[in-house]
Protein backbone atom coordinates (compact mmCIF):
# COMPACT_ATOMS: atom_id res chain seq x y z
CA MET A 1 -4.04 19.38 18.06
CA SER A 2 -1.94 16.63 19.31
CA ASP A 3 -0.65 14.10 16.63
CA LEU A 4 -1.75 11.59 18.69
CA VAL A 5 -5.36 10.48 20.85
CA THR A 6 -6.40 8.19 23.14
CA GLY A 7 -9.05 6.13 21.93
CA ALA A 8 -12.21 4.74 23.91
CA ASP A 9 -10.51 1.57 24.38
CA SER A 10 -7.41 3.71 26.20
CA ARG A 11 -4.85 2.93 23.23
CA THR A 12 -3.10 5.94 21.78
CA ARG A 13 -2.77 6.23 18.41
CA CYS A 14 -1.83 8.25 15.71
CA ALA A 15 -5.19 11.07 14.54
CA TRP A 16 -5.20 10.36 11.12
CA SER A 17 -7.48 6.71 12.09
CA ALA A 18 -9.50 8.33 14.99
CA GLY A 19 -13.14 8.78 14.28
CA ASP A 20 -13.98 5.71 11.91
CA GLU A 21 -13.70 2.00 13.45
CA LEU A 22 -12.54 0.85 9.92
CA TYR A 23 -9.74 3.23 9.95
CA ASP A 24 -8.83 2.45 13.65
CA ALA A 25 -8.87 -1.26 12.39
CA TYR A 26 -6.43 -0.06 9.65
CA HIS A 27 -4.32 1.51 11.56
CA ASP A 28 -3.90 -1.21 14.23
CA GLU A 29 -3.54 -4.29 12.06
CA GLU A 30 -2.46 -3.39 8.97
CA TRP A 31 -1.03 -0.11 8.49
CA GLY A 32 2.69 -0.69 9.04
CA ARG A 33 3.24 -4.35 9.82
CA ALA A 34 5.57 -6.07 7.12
CA VAL A 35 3.98 -7.58 4.21
CA THR A 36 5.94 -9.66 1.68
CA SER A 37 3.26 -11.65 -0.43
CA ASP A 38 2.51 -11.28 -4.19
CA ALA A 39 -0.46 -10.63 -3.27
CA GLY A 40 -0.26 -8.78 -0.86
CA LEU A 41 2.17 -6.37 -2.26
CA TYR A 42 0.29 -6.12 -5.24
CA GLU A 43 -2.45 -5.06 -4.56
CA LYS A 44 -1.57 -2.60 -1.95
CA ILE A 45 0.51 -0.96 -5.18
CA VAL A 46 -2.91 -1.18 -7.26
CA LEU A 47 -4.82 0.19 -4.57
CA GLU A 48 -2.61 3.62 -3.54
CA GLY A 49 -3.17 3.95 -7.34
CA PHE A 50 -7.08 4.09 -7.50
CA GLN A 51 -6.43 6.11 -4.26
CA ALA A 52 -4.71 8.75 -6.17
CA GLY A 53 -7.43 11.90 -5.87
CA LEU A 54 -8.99 10.50 -2.84
CA ALA A 55 -9.89 10.30 0.81
CA TRP A 56 -7.97 6.26 2.01
CA ILE A 57 -11.08 5.41 3.63
CA THR A 58 -13.38 5.68 0.24
CA ILE A 59 -10.76 2.93 -0.90
CA LEU A 60 -11.00 0.69 2.30
CA ARG A 61 -14.50 0.99 2.37
CA LYS A 62 -14.69 -0.62 -0.92
CA ARG A 63 -11.65 -2.79 -0.81
CA ASP A 64 -13.99 -6.10 -0.24
CA ARG A 65 -15.42 -5.42 -3.95
CA PHE A 66 -11.78 -4.92 -5.37
CA ARG A 67 -10.62 -7.85 -4.30
CA GLU A 68 -13.85 -9.89 -5.08
CA VAL A 69 -13.70 -8.57 -9.29
CA PHE A 70 -9.84 -8.61 -9.27
CA ALA A 71 -9.30 -12.35 -8.40
CA ARG A 72 -8.46 -11.42 -4.58
CA PHE A 73 -5.73 -10.00 -6.95
CA ASP A 74 -3.59 -12.59 -8.09
CA PRO A 75 -2.05 -11.18 -10.61
CA THR A 76 -1.57 -13.95 -12.38
CA LEU A 77 -5.55 -14.06 -12.88
CA VAL A 78 -5.40 -10.51 -13.41
CA ALA A 79 -3.22 -10.57 -16.06
CA GLU A 80 -5.74 -12.65 -18.62
CA PHE A 81 -8.33 -9.36 -18.12
CA GLY A 82 -9.02 -8.54 -21.64
CA GLU A 83 -11.83 -5.70 -22.59
CA ALA A 84 -14.86 -7.72 -21.58
CA GLU A 85 -13.64 -7.44 -18.13
CA ILE A 86 -12.51 -3.91 -18.37
CA LEU A 87 -16.38 -3.00 -19.43
CA GLU A 88 -17.63 -4.95 -16.57
CA LEU A 89 -14.87 -3.29 -14.35
CA LEU A 90 -16.50 -0.38 -15.85
CA ASP A 91 -20.15 -0.87 -14.49
CA ASP A 92 -19.30 -2.22 -11.16
CA ALA A 93 -19.95 1.07 -8.81
CA GLY A 94 -18.70 -0.85 -6.25
CA ILE A 95 -15.20 0.12 -7.21
CA ILE A 96 -13.79 3.32 -8.62
CA ARG A 97 -14.82 3.72 -11.93
CA HIS A 98 -11.74 4.60 -13.82
CA ARG A 99 -10.43 3.42 -16.50
CA GLY A 100 -6.88 4.08 -17.11
CA LYS A 101 -6.45 2.94 -13.40
CA ILE A 102 -8.30 -0.53 -14.60
CA GLU A 103 -6.04 -0.59 -17.25
CA ALA A 104 -3.10 0.10 -15.47
CA THR A 105 -4.03 -2.59 -12.70
CA ILE A 106 -3.88 -5.46 -16.14
CA ASN A 107 -1.31 -3.85 -16.90
CA ASN A 108 0.78 -3.98 -13.53
CA ALA A 109 -0.17 -7.93 -12.90
CA GLY A 110 1.90 -8.30 -16.18
CA ARG A 111 4.96 -6.48 -15.14
CA ALA A 112 4.66 -8.51 -11.57
CA LEU A 113 4.67 -11.39 -12.82
CA GLU A 114 7.92 -10.19 -14.86
CA MET A 115 9.56 -9.56 -11.63
CA ILE A 116 8.20 -12.38 -9.90
CA ASP A 117 10.19 -14.29 -12.79
CA GLU A 118 13.47 -12.05 -12.74
CA PHE A 119 13.71 -11.61 -8.56
CA GLY A 120 11.59 -14.70 -7.12
CA SER A 121 8.73 -12.12 -5.81
CA ILE A 122 7.78 -8.81 -5.22
CA ALA A 123 9.09 -8.75 -2.07
CA ALA A 124 12.19 -10.06 -3.15
CA TYR A 125 12.53 -6.49 -5.05
CA VAL A 126 10.90 -4.07 -2.90
CA TRP A 127 12.42 -4.95 1.05
CA PRO A 128 16.29 -4.39 -0.26
CA MET A 129 14.37 -1.12 -0.81
CA ALA A 130 12.84 -0.84 3.26
CA SER A 131 14.80 2.46 4.57
CA SER A 132 15.30 3.47 8.83
CA ARG A 133 14.75 6.76 10.23
CA SER A 134 14.16 9.23 13.10
CA VAL A 135 10.92 8.16 14.91
CA PRO A 136 8.27 10.77 13.75
CA ARG A 137 7.27 12.63 16.67
CA SER A 138 4.39 14.73 15.05
CA PHE A 139 2.89 14.79 11.21
CA ALA A 140 5.14 17.74 10.16
CA ASP A 141 7.88 15.00 10.35
CA LEU A 142 6.75 12.87 7.57
CA PRO A 143 7.40 13.52 4.22
CA ALA A 144 5.15 13.65 1.16
CA GLN A 145 8.00 11.14 -0.89
CA THR A 146 11.59 10.37 -0.21
CA ASP A 147 14.35 9.61 -2.16
CA GLY A 148 13.69 5.83 -1.67
CA SER A 149 10.32 6.04 -3.24
CA ALA A 150 11.23 8.45 -5.95
CA ALA A 151 13.51 5.85 -6.84
CA LEU A 152 11.48 2.90 -6.71
CA SER A 153 9.11 4.97 -8.43
CA LYS A 154 11.90 6.11 -11.40
CA ASP A 155 12.62 1.74 -11.68
CA LEU A 156 8.86 0.98 -11.70
CA LYS A 157 8.00 2.91 -14.38
CA HIS A 158 11.12 1.99 -16.04
CA ARG A 159 9.75 -1.78 -16.08
CA GLY A 160 6.34 -0.60 -17.30
CA TRP A 161 4.33 -0.41 -14.01
CA LYS A 162 1.88 2.64 -14.64
CA PHE A 163 -0.37 4.85 -11.54
CA VAL A 164 3.27 4.67 -9.69
CA GLY A 165 4.44 8.46 -8.23
CA PRO A 166 6.68 9.01 -6.17
CA THR A 167 4.38 10.10 -3.64
CA THR A 168 1.85 7.23 -4.31
CA MET A 169 4.97 5.06 -3.58
CA TYR A 170 5.51 6.48 -0.93
CA ALA A 171 2.44 5.68 0.59
CA PHE A 172 3.08 1.94 -0.23
CA MET A 173 6.06 2.15 1.62
CA GLN A 174 4.57 3.16 4.57
CA ALA A 175 1.73 0.47 4.62
CA MET A 176 3.84 -2.45 4.16
CA GLY A 177 6.51 -1.34 6.45
CA LEU A 178 9.05 -0.99 3.71
CA VAL A 179 9.42 2.60 6.29
CA ASN A 180 7.33 3.16 10.20
CA ASP A 181 5.81 6.01 10.08
CA HIS A 182 3.82 5.43 13.27
CA LEU A 183 4.32 8.23 15.84
CA GLU A 184 6.74 8.33 18.95
CA GLY A 185 4.05 6.90 21.68
CA CYS A 186 2.03 4.89 19.27
CA TRP A 187 1.04 1.83 20.61
CA VAL A 188 1.36 0.60 17.51
CA ARG A 189 4.40 1.16 16.83
CA ASP A 190 6.78 -1.08 18.60
CA ALA A 191 5.08 -4.05 17.13
CA CYS A 192 5.53 -3.15 13.68
CA GLU A 193 9.39 -2.70 14.09
CA ASP A 194 9.56 -5.81 15.55
CA GLU A 195 8.09 -7.41 12.60
CA ARG A 196 9.77 -5.35 9.82
CA VAL A 197 13.98 -6.39 12.05
CA PRO A 198 13.79 -10.42 10.27
CA VAL A 199 12.53 -9.48 7.40
CA LEU A 200 14.74 -6.63 6.88
CA LYS A 201 17.60 -9.05 8.36
CA ARG A 202 15.88 -11.59 5.13
CA PHE A 203 16.05 -8.99 2.43
């Protein structure tokens, strides 16, 4: 089976998104696109943590509700959540009801604010860790983690972040455009690379 598929729209894309319109839209419009906003980067770290042990499509289907209950992932607001909010979240079937991950989300909001104070933005911290490598031709070329994601994970843990293991951080880097892991021949790859270049130059 090819790791690229051509959809009904005649576009060739990475096969992992095939067969689900929500997944295709995520692949085409979000995955690998350069993200620099504090809320966008914080949200993705949180959701990748919630995704651990689950299929990403599960998170996508619940993402709107996640955004509602976590104040659109504004770390200033989430950092103020306490036990009352935790209990409400544990009773909300619209999200993943895992106390450890909910508490990590609140903890990480505080750590995000510390990072913004220190670096000016989350982007100013993470984007210097972006990397480029040979264009992947198949899924076999895609690692589960890299030295870069391991270093990012280690430093975030040192800073007090939770649920930020090296595999989770590599998924974060792929999604936010810090690496471009669209396969050779995927119609989105060049557009993602064009978006990455000015961001890489900025940081």
